[in-house]
C-alpha atoms as a PDB file:
ATOM      1  CA  MET A   1       6.516 -47.512 -40.640  1.00  0.00           C
ATOM      2  CA  ALA A   2       5.514 -44.168 -42.108  1.00  0.00           C
ATOM      3  CA  LEU A   3       5.144 -43.833 -45.837  1.00  0.00           C
ATOM      4  CA  PRO A   4       7.328 -41.211 -47.521  1.00  0.00           C
ATOM      5  CA  ARG A   5       5.659 -37.844 -48.032  1.00  0.00           C
ATOM      6  CA  GLU A   6       7.331 -37.101 -51.362  1.00  0.00           C
ATOM      7  CA  TYR A   7       6.522 -38.562 -54.752  1.00  0.00           C
ATOM      8  CA  VAL A   8      10.093 -38.211 -56.014  1.00  0.00           C
ATOM      9  CA  ARG A   9       9.538 -40.134 -59.244  1.00  0.00           C
ATOM     10  CA  GLN A  10       6.426 -38.170 -60.207  1.00  0.00           C
ATOM     11  CA  ASN A  11       6.925 -35.014 -62.249  1.00  0.00           C
ATOM     12  CA  CYS A  12       3.338 -33.853 -61.815  1.00  0.00           C
ATOM     13  CA  SER A  13       1.610 -30.883 -60.201  1.00  0.00           C
ATOM     14  CA  ALA A  14      -0.999 -33.183 -58.623  1.00  0.00           C
ATOM     15  CA  ALA A  15       1.795 -35.161 -56.953  1.00  0.00           C
ATOM     16  CA  ARG A  16       3.417 -31.933 -55.690  1.00  0.00           C
ATOM     17  CA  ALA A  17       0.058 -30.783 -54.290  1.00  0.00           C
ATOM     18  CA  LEU A  18      -0.488 -34.153 -52.582  1.00  0.00           C
ATOM     19  CA  GLU A  19       2.902 -33.776 -50.915  1.00  0.00           C
ATOM     20  CA  ILE A  20       1.373 -30.801 -49.103  1.00  0.00           C
ATOM     21  CA  VAL A  21      -2.304 -31.711 -48.558  1.00  0.00           C
ATOM     22  CA  GLY A  22      -2.425 -35.460 -49.167  1.00  0.00           C
ATOM     23  CA  GLU A  23      -1.667 -36.804 -45.700  1.00  0.00           C
ATOM     24  CA  ARG A  24      -4.408 -38.017 -43.400  1.00  0.00           C
ATOM     25  CA  TRP A  25      -6.003 -35.163 -41.400  1.00  0.00           C
ATOM     26  CA  THR A  26      -4.464 -32.370 -43.484  1.00  0.00           C
ATOM     27  CA  LEU A  27      -7.509 -31.489 -45.612  1.00  0.00           C
ATOM     28  CA  LEU A  28      -9.747 -31.797 -42.545  1.00  0.00           C
ATOM     29  CA  ILE A  29      -7.564 -29.239 -40.766  1.00  0.00           C
ATOM     30  CA  VAL A  30      -7.846 -26.955 -43.804  1.00  0.00           C
ATOM     31  CA  ARG A  31     -11.622 -27.551 -43.940  1.00  0.00           C
ATOM     32  CA  ASP A  32     -11.965 -26.620 -40.265  1.00  0.00           C
ATOM     33  CA  ALA A  33      -9.914 -23.459 -40.835  1.00  0.00           C
ATOM     34  CA  PHE A  34     -12.504 -22.481 -43.480  1.00  0.00           C
ATOM     35  CA  PHE A  35     -15.209 -23.200 -40.896  1.00  0.00           C
ATOM     36  CA  GLY A  36     -13.569 -20.693 -38.528  1.00  0.00           C
ATOM     37  CA  ILE A  37     -11.546 -22.891 -36.212  1.00  0.00           C
ATOM     38  CA  ARG A  38      -8.334 -21.127 -35.200  1.00  0.00           C
ATOM     39  CA  ARG A  39      -7.092 -22.571 -31.902  1.00  0.00           C
ATOM     40  CA  PHE A  40      -5.106 -25.764 -31.430  1.00  0.00           C
ATOM     41  CA  SER A  41      -7.510 -26.969 -28.736  1.00  0.00           C
ATOM     42  CA  ASP A  42     -10.516 -26.465 -31.040  1.00  0.00           C
ATOM     43  CA  PHE A  43      -8.878 -28.352 -33.920  1.00  0.00           C
ATOM     44  CA  SER A  44      -7.986 -31.139 -31.492  1.00  0.00           C
ATOM     45  CA  ARG A  45     -11.476 -31.380 -30.008  1.00  0.00           C
ATOM     46  CA  HIS A  46     -13.383 -31.104 -33.291  1.00  0.00           C
ATOM     47  CA  LEU A  47     -11.213 -33.565 -35.218  1.00  0.00           C
ATOM     48  CA  ASP A  48     -10.400 -35.906 -32.307  1.00  0.00           C
ATOM     49  CA  ILE A  49      -6.877 -36.036 -33.732  1.00  0.00           C
ATOM     50  CA  PRO A  50      -3.825 -37.128 -31.723  1.00  0.00           C
ATOM     51  CA  ARG A  51      -2.056 -34.039 -30.369  1.00  0.00           C
ATOM     52  CA  ALA A  52       1.329 -35.052 -31.792  1.00  0.00           C
ATOM     53  CA  VAL A  53      -0.167 -35.498 -35.264  1.00  0.00           C
ATOM     54  CA  LEU A  54      -1.997 -32.163 -35.059  1.00  0.00           C
ATOM     55  CA  THR A  55       1.181 -30.402 -33.915  1.00  0.00           C
ATOM     56  CA  GLU A  56       3.130 -31.860 -36.853  1.00  0.00           C
ATOM     57  CA  ARG A  57       0.418 -31.105 -39.438  1.00  0.00           C
ATOM     58  CA  LEU A  58      -0.092 -27.511 -38.275  1.00  0.00           C
ATOM     59  CA  ALA A  59       3.662 -26.838 -38.296  1.00  0.00           C
ATOM     60  CA  PHE A  60       3.954 -28.353 -41.784  1.00  0.00           C
ATOM     61  CA  LEU A  61       1.025 -26.287 -43.123  1.00  0.00           C
ATOM     62  CA  VAL A  62       2.616 -23.135 -41.680  1.00  0.00           C
ATOM     63  CA  ASP A  63       6.003 -24.050 -43.191  1.00  0.00           C
ATOM     64  CA  GLU A  64       4.324 -24.622 -46.575  1.00  0.00           C
ATOM     65  CA  GLY A  65       2.523 -21.266 -46.387  1.00  0.00           C
ATOM     66  CA  VAL A  66      -0.999 -22.759 -46.288  1.00  0.00           C
ATOM     67  CA  LEU A  67      -1.642 -21.456 -42.770  1.00  0.00           C
ATOM     68  CA  ASP A  68      -0.300 -18.415 -40.962  1.00  0.00           C
ATOM     69  CA  ARG A  69       0.165 -18.221 -37.208  1.00  0.00           C
ATOM     70  CA  GLU A  70      -1.433 -15.217 -35.538  1.00  0.00           C
ATOM     71  CA  PRO A  71      -0.935 -13.983 -31.977  1.00  0.00           C
ATOM     72  CA  GLY A  72      -3.605 -14.980 -29.490  1.00  0.00           C
ATOM     73  CA  ALA A  73      -4.198 -14.534 -25.784  1.00  0.00           C
ATOM     74  CA  GLY A  74      -1.095 -14.808 -23.623  1.00  0.00           C
ATOM     75  CA  ARG A  75       1.578 -16.994 -25.180  1.00  0.00           C
ATOM     76  CA  ARG A  76      -0.952 -18.776 -27.358  1.00  0.00           C
ATOM     77  CA  PHE A  77      -1.520 -18.262 -31.020  1.00  0.00           C
ATOM     78  CA  GLY A  78      -4.049 -19.225 -33.647  1.00  0.00           C
ATOM     79  CA  TYR A  79      -3.971 -20.412 -37.219  1.00  0.00           C
ATOM     80  CA  VAL A  80      -5.536 -18.661 -40.201  1.00  0.00           C
ATOM     81  CA  LEU A  81      -5.578 -19.580 -43.848  1.00  0.00           C
ATOM     82  CA  SER A  82      -3.104 -17.686 -46.001  1.00  0.00           C
ATOM     83  CA  ALA A  83      -3.948 -16.709 -49.574  1.00  0.00           C
ATOM     84  CA  LYS A  84      -2.396 -20.032 -50.616  1.00  0.00           C
ATOM     85  CA  GLY A  85      -4.658 -21.828 -48.139  1.00  0.00           C
ATOM     86  CA  ARG A  86      -7.795 -19.933 -49.202  1.00  0.00           C
ATOM     87  CA  ALA A  87      -7.056 -21.013 -52.778  1.00  0.00           C
ATOM     88  CA  LEU A  88      -7.829 -24.575 -51.597  1.00  0.00           C
ATOM     89  CA  TRP A  89     -11.534 -23.730 -51.120  1.00  0.00           C
ATOM     90  CA  PRO A  90     -12.603 -25.161 -54.519  1.00  0.00           C
ATOM     91  CA  VAL A  91     -10.789 -28.417 -53.638  1.00  0.00           C
ATOM     92  CA  VAL A  92     -12.426 -28.687 -50.218  1.00  0.00           C
ATOM     93  CA  ARG A  93     -15.808 -27.698 -51.669  1.00  0.00           C
ATOM     94  CA  SER A  94     -15.538 -30.316 -54.437  1.00  0.00           C
ATOM     95  CA  LEU A  95     -14.694 -33.030 -51.907  1.00  0.00           C
ATOM     96  CA  VAL A  96     -17.706 -32.000 -49.807  1.00  0.00           C
ATOM     97  CA  GLU A  97     -19.969 -32.123 -52.881  1.00  0.00           C
ATOM     98  CA  TRP A  98     -18.652 -35.552 -53.845  1.00  0.00           C
ATOM     99  CA  GLY A  99     -19.112 -36.806 -50.278  1.00  0.00           C
ATOM    100  CA  ASP A 100     -22.632 -35.361 -50.148  1.00  0.00           C
ATOM    101  CA  ALA A 101     -23.519 -37.165 -53.372  1.00  0.00           C
ATOM    102  CA  TYR A 102     -21.996 -40.559 -52.534  1.00  0.00           C
ATOM    103  CA  CYS A 103     -21.363 -40.796 -48.777  1.00  0.00           C
ATOM    104  CA  ALA A 104     -24.212 -38.945 -47.028  1.00  0.00           C
ATOM    105  CA  PRO A 105     -27.314 -41.178 -46.900  1.00  0.00           C
ATOM    106  CA  ASP A 106     -29.118 -38.683 -44.623  1.00  0.00           C
ATOM    107  CA  GLY A 107     -28.266 -35.721 -46.850  1.00  0.00           C
ATOM    108  CA  PRO A 108     -25.555 -33.078 -46.655  1.00  0.00           C
ATOM    109  CA  ARG A 109     -24.304 -32.226 -43.165  1.00  0.00           C
ATOM    110  CA  ARG A 110     -23.747 -28.615 -44.188  1.00  0.00           C
ATOM    111  CA  LEU A 111     -25.176 -26.416 -46.933  1.00  0.00           C
ATOM    112  CA  PHE A 112     -23.645 -23.250 -48.349  1.00  0.00           C
ATOM    113  CA  GLU A 113     -25.511 -20.022 -49.071  1.00  0.00           C
ATOM    114  CA  HIS A 114     -24.668 -16.634 -50.564  1.00  0.00           C
ATOM    115  CA  ALA A 115     -24.362 -14.097 -47.732  1.00  0.00           C
ATOM    116  CA  ASP A 116     -25.749 -11.281 -49.900  1.00  0.00           C
ATOM    117  CA  CYS A 117     -29.006 -12.860 -51.071  1.00  0.00           C
ATOM    118  CA  GLY A 118     -29.387 -16.172 -49.203  1.00  0.00           C
ATOM    119  CA  GLY A 119     -29.366 -18.225 -52.403  1.00  0.00           C
ATOM    120  CA  PRO A 120     -27.816 -21.688 -52.452  1.00  0.00           C
ATOM    121  CA  VAL A 121     -24.197 -21.825 -53.577  1.00  0.00           C
ATOM    122  CA  GLY A 122     -23.807 -24.672 -56.023  1.00  0.00           C
ATOM    123  CA  PRO A 123     -21.054 -26.157 -58.147  1.00  0.00           C
ATOM    124  CA  GLY A 124     -18.604 -23.629 -59.493  1.00  0.00           C
ATOM    125  CA  GLU A 125     -19.397 -21.408 -56.485  1.00  0.00           C
ATOM    126  CA  ARG A 126     -22.337 -19.949 -58.382  1.00  0.00           C
ATOM    127  CA  CYS A 127     -25.362 -18.620 -56.469  1.00  0.00           C
ATOM    128  CA  GLY A 128     -28.566 -20.390 -57.469  1.00  0.00           C
ATOM    129  CA  HIS A 129     -30.597 -17.241 -56.790  1.00  0.00           C
ATOM    130  CA  CYS A 130     -28.672 -14.290 -58.240  1.00  0.00           C
ATOM    131  CA  GLY A 131     -26.287 -16.215 -60.506  1.00  0.00           C
ATOM    132  CA  ARG A 132     -23.152 -14.473 -59.221  1.00  0.00           C
ATOM    133  CA  THR A 133     -19.917 -16.273 -58.430  1.00  0.00           C
ATOM    134  CA  VAL A 134     -19.611 -16.332 -54.641  1.00  0.00           C
ATOM    135  CA  PRO A 135     -16.139 -16.017 -53.079  1.00  0.00           C
ATOM    136  CA  VAL A 136     -15.474 -18.076 -49.968  1.00  0.00           C
ATOM    137  CA  GLU A 137     -15.643 -15.016 -47.691  1.00  0.00           C
ATOM    138  CA  ASP A 138     -19.221 -14.342 -48.903  1.00  0.00           C
ATOM    139  CA  THR A 139     -20.317 -17.928 -48.251  1.00  0.00           C
ATOM    140  CA  VAL A 140     -22.498 -18.822 -45.266  1.00  0.00           C
ATOM    141  CA  MET A 141     -22.506 -22.358 -43.892  1.00  0.00           C
ATOM    142  CA  VAL A 142     -25.864 -23.624 -42.563  1.00  0.00           C
ATOM    143  CA  PRO A 143     -26.850 -26.999 -41.116  1.00  0.00           C
ATOM    144  CA  GLY A 144     -28.135 -29.421 -43.734  1.00  0.00           C
ATOM    145  CA  PRO A 145     -30.507 -32.366 -43.356  1.00  0.00           C
ATOM    146  CA  GLY A 146     -27.649 -34.691 -42.348  1.00  0.00           C
ATOM    147  CA  PHE A 147     -26.362 -32.439 -39.567  1.00  0.00           C
ATOM    148  CA  ALA A 148     -28.036 -34.357 -36.731  1.00  0.00           C
ATOM    149  CA  SER A 149     -27.244 -37.807 -38.148  1.00  0.00           C
ATOM    150  CA  PRO A 150     -26.079 -40.508 -35.742  1.00  0.00           C
ATOM    151  CA  GLY A 151     -22.377 -40.401 -35.015  1.00  0.00           C
ATOM    152  CA  THR A 152     -22.122 -36.612 -34.872  1.00  0.00           C
ATOM    153  CA  ARG A 153     -20.778 -34.718 -31.883  1.00  0.00           C
ATOM    154  CA  GLY A 154     -23.095 -33.905 -29.008  1.00  0.00           C
ATOM    155  CA  ALA A 155     -25.036 -30.658 -28.992  1.00  0.00           C
ATOM    156  CA  ASP A 156     -23.631 -29.753 -25.553  1.00  0.00           C
ATOM    157  CA  ASP A 157     -20.143 -29.232 -27.015  1.00  0.00           C
ATOM    158  CA  ALA A 158     -19.712 -25.464 -27.475  1.00  0.00           C
ATOM    159  CA  LEU A 159     -17.784 -26.003 -30.700  1.00  0.00           C
ATOM    160  CA  ALA A 160     -20.540 -28.238 -32.115  1.00  0.00           C
ATOM    161  CA  VAL A 161     -23.104 -25.590 -31.178  1.00  0.00           C
ATOM    162  CA  ALA A 162     -21.051 -22.880 -32.919  1.00  0.00           C
ATOM    163  CA  LEU A 163     -20.786 -25.014 -36.060  1.00  0.00           C
ATOM    164  CA  SER A 164     -24.522 -25.795 -35.988  1.00  0.00           C
ATOM    165  CA  ARG A 165     -25.536 -22.157 -36.453  1.00  0.00           C
ATOM    166  CA  PRO A 166     -25.478 -20.276 -39.740  1.00  0.00           C
ATOM    167  CA  ARG A 167     -22.102 -18.572 -40.045  1.00  0.00           C
ATOM    168  CA  ARG A 168     -19.862 -17.018 -42.659  1.00  0.00           C
ATOM    169  CA  LEU A 169     -16.885 -19.126 -43.596  1.00  0.00           C
ATOM    170  CA  LEU A 170     -13.514 -17.865 -42.349  1.00  0.00           C
ATOM    171  CA  THR A 171     -15.194 -16.234 -39.309  1.00  0.00           C
ATOM    172  CA  PRO A 172     -13.227 -17.196 -36.169  1.00  0.00           C
ATOM    173  CA  ILE A 173     -14.750 -19.535 -33.604  1.00  0.00           C
ATOM    174  CA  GLY A 174     -13.626 -19.049 -30.024  1.00  0.00           C
ATOM    175  CA  GLY A 175     -11.348 -16.345 -28.776  1.00  0.00           C
END
């Protein structure tokens, strides 16, 4: 039995936000969109999510204006973060920081750097080198010490290889 998505008795902005991004897989889909994943097949392979669940979550995120569909090759299409979706970066980033601090015994899987100067991007999206606030589109993701930890995807997977190289966030993976 599925739990209801709405918190009808809660008059709270946090509850309204959880109605959109609080279901299992949803924030991981948003995270992967920041990492540059656009195609259904890439989301499916990277997340190892059931296809029916992925189909439902992507459609819901499009309906809610978090993702936009964009034309792709043939009859296919991709998914990109809308302005509403990009506004979730501080949420995703904070969850990553919390997970790095409390759930990553081998160290962070990914680190974030300022594209302009290479400095580390820390809490508050502030560059540790130049001190500027770094918008998500000027953030580079690089492998951290926990990237090759046991339980991670194999290096022969083209998607894993793409995510293991330094890359600007929001840059599309695949074609």
